[in-house]
Amino acid sequence: MLLSFVLWGGLFLTALAVILAIPRRTRRLFLRLATTGVVMILGAAFWPAPVQYARARATHLDEAMPSWEFDEQHEIHVNAPPQKVFDSIRPVTAGEIRYFRTLIAMRRLGRPLPPGILNAPENEPLLDLATRTSFRYVANDPPHELVVETIVMRPHAAVATMNFLVTPEGNGSRLSTETRVYANTDSARRRFAVYWRIIHPGSDIIRRMWLRAIKERAERSS
């Protein structure tokens, strides 16, 4: 996430520099800001992404993707038993995930697309839609873990795997999600790194809101 903030900070400084270039008295400041912004953008976009490895095959996600270069993790406590939480994962719709449709529309730059994860109807269960179009189930182990994966850069140059993991915690459950992406060529890794660092802040918000939607659904049914 740090590299995403650096990249977006560089974009902001570059845009500010363009504005400051108009009045003659601020052109020296323009050069400083523009140079700093461009360096930040290039540094963040092309910073190497080292391969990470699962320390143990403790989850189905570890089995499905034991090595990866890009990832994000989020978790939340749910005041409901594991079975209720697990049963609430698949029915969640795009409309229940706050900001989902807005952020995804921004990601696809407003382009009209057929129904899928990048153009999800408001009231259709999101995982059902995803696995009917571009995703597939890798593991479905109730009430413990659900894993899906998709190709994000063809042909098989980069694969993304995401899980929802439910574990008992006190009188409720701990619900977590992790997304891992593995790019199997240097070229794919460099290209995906730029894309990932642009979308990562929005992806972070979507994952957090997705967990919150599952939590709200599970707690309503308990």
C-alpha atoms as a PDB file:
ATOM      1  CA  MET A   1       0.000   0.000   0.000  1.00  0.00           C
ATOM      2  CA  LEU A   2       2.915   2.374   0.712  1.00  0.00           C
ATOM      3  CA  LEU A   3       3.988   2.279  -2.937  1.00  0.00           C
ATOM      4  CA  SER A   4       0.422   3.102  -4.001  1.00  0.00           C
ATOM      5  CA  PHE A   5       0.453   6.182  -1.776  1.00  0.00           C
ATOM      6  CA  VAL A   6       3.819   7.200  -3.236  1.00  0.00           C
ATOM      7  CA  LEU A   7       2.491   6.767  -6.781  1.00  0.00           C
ATOM      8  CA  TRP A   8      -0.703   8.743  -6.118  1.00  0.00           C
ATOM      9  CA  GLY A   9       1.295  11.374  -4.245  1.00  0.00           C
ATOM     10  CA  GLY A  10       3.515  11.724  -7.295  1.00  0.00           C
ATOM     11  CA  LEU A  11       0.470  12.128  -9.530  1.00  0.00           C
ATOM     12  CA  PHE A  12      -0.880  14.825  -7.216  1.00  0.00           C
ATOM     13  CA  LEU A  13       2.419  16.732  -7.187  1.00  0.00           C
ATOM     14  CA  THR A  14       2.675  16.514 -10.968  1.00  0.00           C
ATOM     15  CA  ALA A  15      -0.877  17.829 -11.402  1.00  0.00           C
ATOM     16  CA  LEU A  16      -0.162  20.631  -8.926  1.00  0.00           C
ATOM     17  CA  ALA A  17       3.018  21.480 -10.818  1.00  0.00           C
ATOM     18  CA  VAL A  18       1.060  21.826 -14.067  1.00  0.00           C
ATOM     19  CA  ILE A  19      -1.285  24.312 -12.374  1.00  0.00           C
ATOM     20  CA  LEU A  20       1.635  26.277 -10.926  1.00  0.00           C
ATOM     21  CA  ALA A  21       3.335  26.424 -14.326  1.00  0.00           C
ATOM     22  CA  ILE A  22       0.766  28.933 -15.566  1.00  0.00           C
ATOM     23  CA  PRO A  23       1.835  32.005 -13.493  1.00  0.00           C
ATOM     24  CA  ARG A  24       5.405  32.988 -14.385  1.00  0.00           C
ATOM     25  CA  ARG A  25       6.413  33.647 -10.761  1.00  0.00           C
ATOM     26  CA  THR A  26       5.793  30.004  -9.745  1.00  0.00           C
ATOM     27  CA  ARG A  27       7.657  28.269 -12.569  1.00  0.00           C
ATOM     28  CA  ARG A  28      10.689  27.400 -10.436  1.00  0.00           C
ATOM     29  CA  LEU A  29       8.389  25.713  -7.952  1.00  0.00           C
ATOM     30  CA  PHE A  30       6.737  23.972 -10.912  1.00  0.00           C
ATOM     31  CA  LEU A  31      10.064  22.433 -11.939  1.00  0.00           C
ATOM     32  CA  ARG A  32      10.775  21.172  -8.416  1.00  0.00           C
ATOM     33  CA  LEU A  33       7.309  19.697  -7.955  1.00  0.00           C
ATOM     34  CA  ALA A  34       7.213  18.193 -11.440  1.00  0.00           C
ATOM     35  CA  THR A  35      10.608  16.546 -10.986  1.00  0.00           C
ATOM     36  CA  THR A  36       9.677  15.191  -7.552  1.00  0.00           C
ATOM     37  CA  GLY A  37       6.315  13.960  -8.822  1.00  0.00           C
ATOM     38  CA  VAL A  38       7.763  12.155 -11.828  1.00  0.00           C
ATOM     39  CA  VAL A  39      10.467  10.512  -9.696  1.00  0.00           C
ATOM     40  CA  MET A  40       7.819   9.333  -7.202  1.00  0.00           C
ATOM     41  CA  ILE A  41       5.595   7.949  -9.972  1.00  0.00           C
ATOM     42  CA  LEU A  42       8.392   6.075 -11.730  1.00  0.00           C
ATOM     43  CA  GLY A  43       9.903   4.809  -8.484  1.00  0.00           C
ATOM     44  CA  ALA A  44       6.595   3.483  -7.161  1.00  0.00           C
ATOM     45  CA  ALA A  45       5.462   2.035 -10.487  1.00  0.00           C
ATOM     46  CA  PHE A  46       8.651   0.120 -11.211  1.00  0.00           C
ATOM     47  CA  TRP A  47       9.777  -0.827  -7.693  1.00  0.00           C
ATOM     48  CA  PRO A  48      10.577  -4.575  -7.714  1.00  0.00           C
ATOM     49  CA  ALA A  49       7.957  -6.972  -6.345  1.00  0.00           C
ATOM     50  CA  PRO A  50       9.773  -9.828  -4.556  1.00  0.00           C
ATOM     51  CA  VAL A  51       8.279 -13.311  -4.413  1.00  0.00           C
ATOM     52  CA  GLN A  52       6.754 -14.237  -1.045  1.00  0.00           C
ATOM     53  CA  TYR A  53       6.167 -17.770   0.202  1.00  0.00           C
ATOM     54  CA  ALA A  54       3.661 -19.349   2.573  1.00  0.00           C
ATOM     55  CA  ARG A  55       5.484 -20.523   5.692  1.00  0.00           C
ATOM     56  CA  ALA A  56       3.215 -23.559   5.955  1.00  0.00           C
ATOM     57  CA  ARG A  57       0.314 -25.065   4.035  1.00  0.00           C
ATOM     58  CA  ALA A  58      -2.118 -24.035   6.779  1.00  0.00           C
ATOM     59  CA  THR A  59      -5.054 -22.995   4.580  1.00  0.00           C
ATOM     60  CA  HIS A  60      -6.582 -23.887   1.235  1.00  0.00           C
ATOM     61  CA  LEU A  61      -5.239 -20.554  -0.001  1.00  0.00           C
ATOM     62  CA  ASP A  62      -1.715 -21.704   0.879  1.00  0.00           C
ATOM     63  CA  GLU A  63      -2.319 -24.877  -1.113  1.00  0.00           C
ATOM     64  CA  ALA A  64      -3.732 -23.009  -4.101  1.00  0.00           C
ATOM     65  CA  MET A  65      -1.082 -20.263  -4.189  1.00  0.00           C
ATOM     66  CA  PRO A  66       2.004 -21.008  -2.047  1.00  0.00           C
ATOM     67  CA  SER A  67       4.007 -18.189  -3.680  1.00  0.00           C
ATOM     68  CA  TRP A  68       3.010 -14.717  -4.841  1.00  0.00           C
ATOM     69  CA  GLU A  69       4.315 -11.188  -5.450  1.00  0.00           C
ATOM     70  CA  PHE A  70       1.281  -9.019  -4.634  1.00  0.00           C
ATOM     71  CA  ASP A  71      -1.172  -9.385  -1.775  1.00  0.00           C
ATOM     72  CA  GLU A  72      -3.507  -7.699   0.661  1.00  0.00           C
ATOM     73  CA  GLN A  73      -5.146  -8.942   3.864  1.00  0.00           C
ATOM     74  CA  HIS A  74      -8.081  -7.721   5.951  1.00  0.00           C
ATOM     75  CA  GLU A  75     -10.049  -9.088   8.893  1.00  0.00           C
ATOM     76  CA  ILE A  76     -13.012  -8.252  11.100  1.00  0.00           C
ATOM     77  CA  HIS A  77     -14.723  -9.667  14.191  1.00  0.00           C
ATOM     78  CA  VAL A  78     -18.278 -10.925  13.696  1.00  0.00           C
ATOM     79  CA  ASN A  79     -20.744 -11.478  16.523  1.00  0.00           C
ATOM     80  CA  ALA A  80     -22.040 -14.714  15.032  1.00  0.00           C
ATOM     81  CA  PRO A  81     -20.952 -18.378  15.045  1.00  0.00           C
ATOM     82  CA  PRO A  82     -18.687 -19.628  12.224  1.00  0.00           C
ATOM     83  CA  GLN A  83     -21.473 -21.451  10.359  1.00  0.00           C
ATOM     84  CA  LYS A  84     -23.632 -18.306  10.234  1.00  0.00           C
ATOM     85  CA  VAL A  85     -20.667 -16.270   9.019  1.00  0.00           C
ATOM     86  CA  PHE A  86     -19.719 -18.796   6.358  1.00  0.00           C
ATOM     87  CA  ASP A  87     -23.321 -19.044   5.157  1.00  0.00           C
ATOM     88  CA  SER A  88     -23.377 -15.249   4.755  1.00  0.00           C
ATOM     89  CA  ILE A  89     -20.391 -15.046   2.390  1.00  0.00           C
ATOM     90  CA  ARG A  90     -21.922 -16.224  -0.884  1.00  0.00           C
ATOM     91  CA  PRO A  91     -25.286 -14.371  -0.741  1.00  0.00           C
ATOM     92  CA  VAL A  92     -23.712 -10.882  -0.423  1.00  0.00           C
ATOM     93  CA  THR A  93     -24.568  -8.673  -3.407  1.00  0.00           C
ATOM     94  CA  ALA A  94     -22.706  -5.769  -4.987  1.00  0.00           C
ATOM     95  CA  GLY A  95     -25.402  -3.469  -3.618  1.00  0.00           C
ATOM     96  CA  GLU A  96     -24.556  -4.506  -0.046  1.00  0.00           C
ATOM     97  CA  ILE A  97     -20.861  -3.657  -0.449  1.00  0.00           C
ATOM     98  CA  ARG A  98     -20.560   0.070   0.121  1.00  0.00           C
ATOM     99  CA  TYR A  99     -18.787   1.968  -2.693  1.00  0.00           C
ATOM    100  CA  PHE A 100     -18.292  -1.253  -4.712  1.00  0.00           C
ATOM    101  CA  ARG A 101     -20.143  -0.206  -7.859  1.00  0.00           C
ATOM    102  CA  THR A 102     -18.660   3.307  -7.775  1.00  0.00           C
ATOM    103  CA  LEU A 103     -15.063   2.122  -7.387  1.00  0.00           C
ATOM    104  CA  ILE A 104     -15.449  -0.632  -9.989  1.00  0.00           C
ATOM    105  CA  ALA A 105     -16.969   1.849 -12.460  1.00  0.00           C
ATOM    106  CA  MET A 106     -13.900   4.039 -11.933  1.00  0.00           C
ATOM    107  CA  ARG A 107     -11.617   1.041 -12.489  1.00  0.00           C
ATOM    108  CA  ARG A 108     -13.238   0.202 -15.817  1.00  0.00           C
ATOM    109  CA  LEU A 109     -13.192   3.932 -16.726  1.00  0.00           C
ATOM    110  CA  GLY A 110     -16.961   3.955 -17.150  1.00  0.00           C
ATOM    111  CA  ARG A 111     -16.856   1.563 -20.113  1.00  0.00           C
ATOM    112  CA  PRO A 112     -20.018  -0.519 -20.663  1.00  0.00           C
ATOM    113  CA  LEU A 113     -19.217  -4.194 -20.104  1.00  0.00           C
ATOM    114  CA  PRO A 114     -21.286  -7.388 -19.997  1.00  0.00           C
ATOM    115  CA  PRO A 115     -22.332  -8.584 -16.517  1.00  0.00           C
ATOM    116  CA  GLY A 116     -19.321  -9.712 -14.511  1.00  0.00           C
ATOM    117  CA  ILE A 117     -17.202  -8.689 -11.557  1.00  0.00           C
ATOM    118  CA  LEU A 118     -16.403  -5.371 -13.314  1.00  0.00           C
ATOM    119  CA  ASN A 119     -20.077  -4.668 -14.040  1.00  0.00           C
ATOM    120  CA  ALA A 120     -22.055  -6.381 -11.307  1.00  0.00           C
ATOM    121  CA  PRO A 121     -25.854  -6.027 -11.081  1.00  0.00           C
ATOM    122  CA  GLU A 122     -26.822  -4.530  -7.745  1.00  0.00           C
ATOM    123  CA  ASN A 123     -28.944  -7.411  -6.442  1.00  0.00           C
ATOM    124  CA  GLU A 124     -27.158 -10.545  -7.682  1.00  0.00           C
ATOM    125  CA  PRO A 125     -24.904 -12.487  -5.262  1.00  0.00           C
ATOM    126  CA  LEU A 126     -21.427 -11.328  -6.190  1.00  0.00           C
ATOM    127  CA  LEU A 127     -19.596 -14.643  -5.876  1.00  0.00           C
ATOM    128  CA  ASP A 128     -22.261 -16.434  -7.925  1.00  0.00           C
ATOM    129  CA  LEU A 129     -21.803 -13.847 -10.662  1.00  0.00           C
ATOM    130  CA  ALA A 130     -18.009 -14.015 -10.446  1.00  0.00           C
ATOM    131  CA  THR A 131     -17.821 -17.817 -10.650  1.00  0.00           C
ATOM    132  CA  ARG A 132     -20.296 -17.851 -13.536  1.00  0.00           C
ATOM    133  CA  THR A 133     -18.109 -15.489 -15.556  1.00  0.00           C
ATOM    134  CA  SER A 134     -14.378 -15.082 -14.902  1.00  0.00           C
ATOM    135  CA  PHE A 135     -13.662 -16.824 -11.566  1.00  0.00           C
ATOM    136  CA  ARG A 136     -13.722 -20.450 -10.450  1.00  0.00           C
ATOM    137  CA  TYR A 137     -13.961 -22.090  -7.044  1.00  0.00           C
ATOM    138  CA  VAL A 138     -10.728 -23.642  -5.806  1.00  0.00           C
ATOM    139  CA  ALA A 139     -11.988 -24.692  -2.366  1.00  0.00           C
ATOM    140  CA  ASN A 140     -15.330 -24.701  -0.579  1.00  0.00           C
ATOM    141  CA  ASP A 141     -14.774 -26.001   2.946  1.00  0.00           C
ATOM    142  CA  PRO A 142     -17.698 -24.990   5.200  1.00  0.00           C
ATOM    143  CA  PRO A 143     -17.711 -23.475   7.734  1.00  0.00           C
ATOM    144  CA  HIS A 144     -14.015 -22.710   7.422  1.00  0.00           C
ATOM    145  CA  GLU A 145     -12.757 -21.385   4.093  1.00  0.00           C
ATOM    146  CA  LEU A 146     -13.833 -20.410   0.592  1.00  0.00           C
ATOM    147  CA  VAL A 147     -11.258 -19.839  -2.179  1.00  0.00           C
ATOM    148  CA  VAL A 148     -11.709 -18.496  -5.721  1.00  0.00           C
ATOM    149  CA  GLU A 149      -9.234 -17.663  -8.461  1.00  0.00           C
ATOM    150  CA  THR A 150      -9.117 -15.926 -11.828  1.00  0.00           C
ATOM    151  CA  ILE A 151      -6.663 -15.095 -14.584  1.00  0.00           C
ATOM    152  CA  VAL A 152      -5.900 -11.374 -14.460  1.00  0.00           C
ATOM    153  CA  MET A 153      -3.372 -11.252 -17.284  1.00  0.00           C
ATOM    154  CA  ARG A 154      -3.682 -13.632 -20.206  1.00  0.00           C
ATOM    155  CA  PRO A 155      -2.545 -16.113 -21.272  1.00  0.00           C
ATOM    156  CA  HIS A 156      -1.992 -17.357 -17.684  1.00  0.00           C
ATOM    157  CA  ALA A 157       0.699 -14.714 -17.163  1.00  0.00           C
ATOM    158  CA  ALA A 158      -0.813 -13.572 -13.848  1.00  0.00           C
ATOM    159  CA  VAL A 159      -3.306 -15.365 -11.612  1.00  0.00           C
ATOM    160  CA  ALA A 160      -5.209 -13.929  -8.634  1.00  0.00           C
ATOM    161  CA  THR A 161      -6.478 -16.080  -5.765  1.00  0.00           C
ATOM    162  CA  MET A 162      -8.735 -14.810  -2.979  1.00  0.00           C
ATOM    163  CA  ASN A 163     -10.113 -16.473   0.124  1.00  0.00           C
ATOM    164  CA  PHE A 164     -12.562 -15.881   2.926  1.00  0.00           C
ATOM    165  CA  LEU A 165     -11.445 -17.589   6.128  1.00  0.00           C
ATOM    166  CA  VAL A 166     -13.671 -18.045   9.196  1.00  0.00           C
ATOM    167  CA  THR A 167     -12.225 -19.001  12.589  1.00  0.00           C
ATOM    168  CA  PRO A 168     -13.872 -19.123  16.040  1.00  0.00           C
ATOM    169  CA  GLU A 169     -13.058 -16.119  18.227  1.00  0.00           C
ATOM    170  CA  GLY A 170     -14.549 -15.702  21.696  1.00  0.00           C
ATOM    171  CA  ASN A 171     -18.334 -15.727  21.433  1.00  0.00           C
ATOM    172  CA  GLY A 172     -18.187 -15.034  17.704  1.00  0.00           C
ATOM    173  CA  SER A 173     -15.889 -15.449  14.729  1.00  0.00           C
ATOM    174  CA  ARG A 174     -12.905 -13.887  13.040  1.00  0.00           C
ATOM    175  CA  LEU A 175     -13.566 -13.318   9.327  1.00  0.00           C
ATOM    176  CA  SER A 176     -10.578 -12.566   7.122  1.00  0.00           C
ATOM    177  CA  THR A 177      -9.880 -12.250   3.431  1.00  0.00           C
ATOM    178  CA  GLU A 178      -6.592 -12.376   1.578  1.00  0.00           C
ATOM    179  CA  THR A 179      -5.870 -11.767  -2.091  1.00  0.00           C
ATOM    180  CA  ARG A 180      -2.657 -13.041  -3.678  1.00  0.00           C
ATOM    181  CA  VAL A 181      -1.424 -12.476  -7.222  1.00  0.00           C
ATOM    182  CA  TYR A 182       1.366 -14.414  -8.897  1.00  0.00           C
ATOM    183  CA  ALA A 183       2.859 -13.227 -12.189  1.00  0.00           C
ATOM    184  CA  ASN A 184       4.945 -15.935 -13.810  1.00  0.00           C
ATOM    185  CA  THR A 185       7.097 -13.786 -16.120  1.00  0.00           C
ATOM    186  CA  ASP A 186       9.215 -10.692 -15.497  1.00  0.00           C
ATOM    187  CA  SER A 187       7.249  -8.769 -18.111  1.00  0.00           C
ATOM    188  CA  ALA A 188       3.898  -9.667 -16.539  1.00  0.00           C
ATOM    189  CA  ARG A 189       5.241  -8.804 -13.086  1.00  0.00           C
ATOM    190  CA  ARG A 190       6.337  -5.337 -14.188  1.00  0.00           C
ATOM    191  CA  ARG A 191       3.066  -4.617 -15.983  1.00  0.00           C
ATOM    192  CA  PHE A 192       0.897  -5.884 -13.158  1.00  0.00           C
ATOM    193  CA  ALA A 193       2.923  -3.932 -10.578  1.00  0.00           C
ATOM    194  CA  VAL A 194       1.934  -0.656 -12.251  1.00  0.00           C
ATOM    195  CA  TYR A 195      -1.739  -1.689 -12.402  1.00  0.00           C
ATOM    196  CA  TRP A 196      -1.756  -2.983  -8.806  1.00  0.00           C
ATOM    197  CA  ARG A 197      -0.231   0.160  -7.351  1.00  0.00           C
ATOM    198  CA  ILE A 198      -2.819   2.299  -9.116  1.00  0.00           C
ATOM    199  CA  ILE A 199      -5.874   0.291  -8.018  1.00  0.00           C
ATOM    200  CA  HIS A 200      -4.669  -0.868  -4.587  1.00  0.00           C
ATOM    201  CA  PRO A 201      -6.309   1.922  -2.512  1.00  0.00           C
ATOM    202  CA  GLY A 202      -9.690   1.242  -4.136  1.00  0.00           C
ATOM    203  CA  SER A 203      -9.209  -2.509  -3.802  1.00  0.00           C
ATOM    204  CA  ASP A 204      -8.443  -2.019  -0.105  1.00  0.00           C
ATOM    205  CA  ILE A 205     -11.732  -0.169   0.421  1.00  0.00           C
ATOM    206  CA  ILE A 206     -13.712  -2.826  -1.471  1.00  0.00           C
ATOM    207  CA  ARG A 207     -12.271  -5.680   0.611  1.00  0.00           C
ATOM    208  CA  ARG A 208     -13.004  -3.876   3.879  1.00  0.00           C
ATOM    209  CA  MET A 209     -16.566  -3.052   2.826  1.00  0.00           C
ATOM    210  CA  TRP A 210     -17.080  -6.633   1.594  1.00  0.00           C
ATOM    211  CA  LEU A 211     -16.151  -7.994   5.028  1.00  0.00           C
ATOM    212  CA  ARG A 212     -18.449  -5.457   6.659  1.00  0.00           C
ATOM    213  CA  ALA A 213     -21.340  -6.527   4.406  1.00  0.00           C
ATOM    214  CA  ILE A 214     -20.804 -10.185   5.360  1.00  0.00           C
ATOM    215  CA  LYS A 215     -20.636  -9.201   9.037  1.00  0.00           C
ATOM    216  CA  GLU A 216     -23.907  -7.258   8.844  1.00  0.00           C
ATOM    217  CA  ARG A 217     -25.688 -10.108   7.054  1.00  0.00           C
ATOM    218  CA  ALA A 218     -24.398 -12.735   9.524  1.00  0.00           C
ATOM    219  CA  GLU A 219     -25.292 -10.698  12.592  1.00  0.00           C
ATOM    220  CA  ARG A 220     -28.806 -10.007  11.284  1.00  0.00           C
ATOM    221  CA  SER A 221     -29.425 -13.731  10.871  1.00  0.00           C
ATOM    222  CA  SER A 222     -28.090 -14.710  14.317  1.00  0.00           C
END
